[in-house]
Amino acid sequence: LFLFVVFAAMLFIPAWTFNYWQAWVFLAVFFVSVSAISAYLMKNDPKLLERRAGGSEQETSQKIIQFLLTIAFLASIIIPSLDHRFAWSVMSPYFAAIGDVLVATSLLIIFLVFKENTFTSRVVEVDAEQKVISTGLYALVRHPMYMGALLLFVGIPLALGSWWGLLTFI
């Protein structure tokens, strides 16, 4: 609930309006998906949920990368909201629908990674019981969660109706 309120604030305060249908649809798609993933993990893999919630990077380079990704993620939400407020972009509603599909698909990919690899941690670490995964999406790409995250970085600005927001992907 706290995360939902923070996301809503990042969307509606810069937009300076609640009359932003793309933001409402995005919030629904994102939070229904994230809630379903969380509920699944609470029931079926609480240790994975613990690993995802805690820990911090030890290496300076990893801390810098995480910081930059956090800034880019926040910008991928705030820039489209400013775009909506100041009408920088004109985008067909079809692109917003495509963006919402990309957001849902990216979260589905992340969910499939969680199901396949119970050691998916928030930080770079190796557990004694961990093994190399080569099934599921891992059979197609070495880091499928990164692939899902890349889709998310493209999907969010489209879902929010902003061409300028796509700059955060770069």
Protein backbone atom coordinates (compact mmCIF):
# COMPACT_ATOMS: atom_id res chain seq x y z
CA LEU A 1 0.00 0.00 0.00
CA PHE A 2 2.87 2.36 0.85
CA LEU A 3 4.52 1.66 -2.51
CA PHE A 4 1.20 2.32 -4.29
CA VAL A 5 0.89 5.72 -2.57
CA VAL A 6 4.50 6.60 -3.48
CA PHE A 7 3.95 5.63 -7.13
CA ALA A 8 0.68 7.57 -7.25
CA ALA A 9 2.43 10.63 -5.82
CA MET A 10 5.24 10.32 -8.40
CA LEU A 11 2.63 10.20 -11.14
CA PHE A 12 0.01 12.71 -10.09
CA ILE A 13 2.04 15.42 -8.32
CA PRO A 14 4.29 16.19 -11.34
CA ALA A 15 1.25 15.88 -13.63
CA TRP A 16 -0.64 18.21 -11.29
CA THR A 17 -3.89 16.42 -12.05
CA PHE A 18 -5.76 13.20 -11.37
CA ASN A 19 -7.17 13.47 -14.90
CA TYR A 20 -4.44 11.23 -16.32
CA TRP A 21 -6.05 8.01 -17.50
CA GLN A 22 -2.74 6.51 -18.64
CA ALA A 23 -1.41 6.78 -15.08
CA TRP A 24 -4.50 5.11 -13.62
CA VAL A 25 -4.26 2.20 -16.08
CA PHE A 26 -0.52 1.86 -15.48
CA LEU A 27 -1.05 1.79 -11.69
CA ALA A 28 -3.68 -0.93 -12.10
CA VAL A 29 -1.52 -3.06 -14.41
CA PHE A 30 1.62 -2.62 -12.32
CA PHE A 31 0.10 -3.17 -8.89
CA VAL A 32 -2.21 -6.03 -9.82
CA SER A 33 0.85 -7.78 -11.29
CA VAL A 34 3.18 -6.98 -8.38
CA SER A 35 0.52 -7.96 -5.84
CA ALA A 36 -0.05 -11.30 -7.57
CA ILE A 37 3.70 -11.99 -7.64
CA SER A 38 4.03 -11.04 -3.96
CA ALA A 39 1.06 -13.21 -2.95
CA TYR A 40 2.54 -16.15 -4.84
CA LEU A 41 5.93 -15.71 -3.19
CA MET A 42 4.42 -15.31 0.29
CA LYS A 43 2.69 -18.64 -0.14
CA ASN A 44 5.21 -20.61 -2.20
CA ASP A 45 8.68 -19.14 -1.65
CA PRO A 46 8.87 -16.81 1.38
CA LYS A 47 12.67 -17.16 1.52
CA LEU A 48 12.94 -15.68 -1.98
CA LEU A 49 10.73 -12.81 -0.88
CA GLU A 50 13.06 -12.25 2.11
CA ARG A 51 16.12 -12.23 -0.13
CA ARG A 52 14.44 -9.76 -2.49
CA ALA A 53 13.48 -7.43 0.36
CA GLY A 54 16.81 -7.28 2.21
CA GLY A 55 20.50 -6.96 1.70
CA SER A 56 22.68 -4.33 0.17
CA GLU A 57 25.49 -4.43 -2.33
CA GLN A 58 29.03 -4.64 -0.98
CA GLU A 59 30.98 -3.61 -4.09
CA THR A 60 31.20 0.11 -4.87
CA SER A 61 30.63 -0.48 -8.59
CA GLN A 62 27.41 -2.41 -7.85
CA LYS A 63 26.22 0.34 -5.49
CA ILE A 64 26.79 2.92 -8.24
CA ILE A 65 24.92 0.80 -10.80
CA GLN A 66 21.99 0.31 -8.40
CA PHE A 67 21.88 4.04 -7.66
CA LEU A 68 21.86 4.95 -11.36
CA LEU A 69 19.16 2.36 -12.11
CA THR A 70 17.03 3.75 -9.28
CA ILE A 71 17.37 7.27 -10.69
CA ALA A 72 16.50 6.02 -14.19
CA PHE A 73 13.47 4.11 -12.86
CA LEU A 74 12.18 7.15 -10.97
CA ALA A 75 12.76 9.31 -14.05
CA SER A 76 10.84 6.80 -16.20
CA ILE A 77 7.79 7.63 -14.07
CA ILE A 78 8.30 11.33 -13.31
CA ILE A 79 9.31 12.53 -16.81
CA PRO A 80 6.14 11.13 -18.43
CA SER A 81 4.08 12.81 -15.70
CA LEU A 82 5.73 16.13 -16.45
CA ASP A 83 5.22 15.41 -20.15
CA HIS A 84 1.51 14.93 -19.47
CA ARG A 85 1.33 18.20 -17.51
CA PHE A 86 3.12 20.30 -20.12
CA ALA A 87 1.87 18.36 -23.19
CA TRP A 88 5.32 17.76 -24.67
CA SER A 89 4.23 14.58 -26.48
CA VAL A 90 1.27 13.63 -28.57
CA MET A 91 0.86 9.87 -28.51
CA SER A 92 -1.92 7.64 -29.74
CA PRO A 93 -3.75 5.71 -27.01
CA TYR A 94 -2.70 2.56 -28.87
CA PHE A 95 0.90 3.17 -27.81
CA ALA A 96 -0.24 3.47 -24.19
CA ALA A 97 -1.98 0.10 -24.56
CA ILE A 98 1.21 -1.38 -26.04
CA GLY A 99 3.13 0.07 -23.10
CA ASP A 100 0.75 -1.53 -20.60
CA VAL A 101 1.18 -4.87 -22.39
CA LEU A 102 4.97 -4.45 -22.17
CA VAL A 103 4.74 -3.64 -18.45
CA ALA A 104 2.59 -6.72 -17.81
CA THR A 105 4.88 -8.88 -19.98
CA SER A 106 7.99 -7.64 -18.18
CA LEU A 107 6.46 -8.48 -14.81
CA LEU A 108 5.42 -11.90 -16.12
CA ILE A 109 9.03 -12.51 -17.18
CA ILE A 110 10.25 -11.49 -13.72
CA PHE A 111 7.67 -13.81 -12.14
CA LEU A 112 8.84 -16.71 -14.32
CA VAL A 113 12.43 -16.00 -13.23
CA PHE A 114 11.34 -16.13 -9.58
CA LYS A 115 9.58 -19.45 -10.16
CA GLU A 116 12.62 -20.92 -11.93
CA ASN A 117 15.33 -19.59 -9.62
CA THR A 118 14.62 -19.44 -5.90
CA PHE A 119 18.03 -17.80 -5.35
CA THR A 120 17.15 -14.67 -7.32
CA SER A 121 18.51 -12.08 -4.94
CA ARG A 122 18.34 -8.31 -4.98
CA VAL A 123 22.11 -8.15 -4.60
CA VAL A 124 24.95 -9.97 -6.32
CA GLU A 125 25.76 -12.92 -4.07
CA VAL A 126 26.34 -16.66 -4.19
CA ASP A 127 24.67 -19.09 -1.78
CA ALA A 128 26.24 -22.45 -0.90
CA GLU A 129 23.12 -24.30 -2.11
CA GLN A 130 22.81 -22.27 -5.31
CA LYS A 131 23.21 -23.94 -8.68
CA VAL A 132 23.40 -22.75 -12.26
CA ILE A 133 19.93 -22.57 -13.82
CA SER A 134 19.67 -23.51 -17.49
CA THR A 135 15.96 -24.26 -17.83
CA GLY A 136 12.95 -22.06 -18.52
CA LEU A 137 13.85 -18.56 -19.67
CA TYR A 138 17.46 -19.23 -18.61
CA ALA A 139 17.70 -21.63 -21.56
CA LEU A 140 17.09 -18.65 -23.86
CA VAL A 141 19.05 -15.86 -22.18
CA ARG A 142 21.60 -15.81 -19.32
CA HIS A 143 19.90 -13.00 -17.38
CA PRO A 144 16.16 -13.11 -18.12
CA MET A 145 15.28 -10.73 -15.28
CA TYR A 146 17.41 -8.03 -16.94
CA MET A 147 15.51 -8.70 -20.16
CA GLY A 148 12.24 -8.19 -18.25
CA ALA A 149 13.61 -4.99 -16.68
CA LEU A 150 14.55 -3.62 -20.12
CA LEU A 151 10.98 -4.22 -21.31
CA LEU A 152 9.74 -2.42 -18.21
CA PHE A 153 11.93 0.61 -19.00
CA VAL A 154 10.38 0.81 -22.47
CA GLY A 155 6.86 -0.04 -21.32
CA ILE A 156 6.47 2.52 -18.55
CA PRO A 157 6.93 5.69 -20.66
CA LEU A 158 4.74 4.27 -23.43
CA ALA A 159 2.06 3.25 -20.93
CA LEU A 160 2.17 6.79 -19.53
CA GLY A 161 1.85 8.34 -23.00
CA SER A 162 5.30 9.93 -23.24
CA TRP A 163 7.82 9.90 -26.06
CA TRP A 164 10.19 11.97 -23.90
CA GLY A 165 10.05 9.36 -21.15
CA LEU A 166 11.71 6.89 -23.50
CA LEU A 167 14.95 8.84 -22.99
CA THR A 168 15.22 7.12 -19.60
CA PHE A 169 15.67 3.82 -21.42
CA ILE A 170 18.84 5.12 -23.04
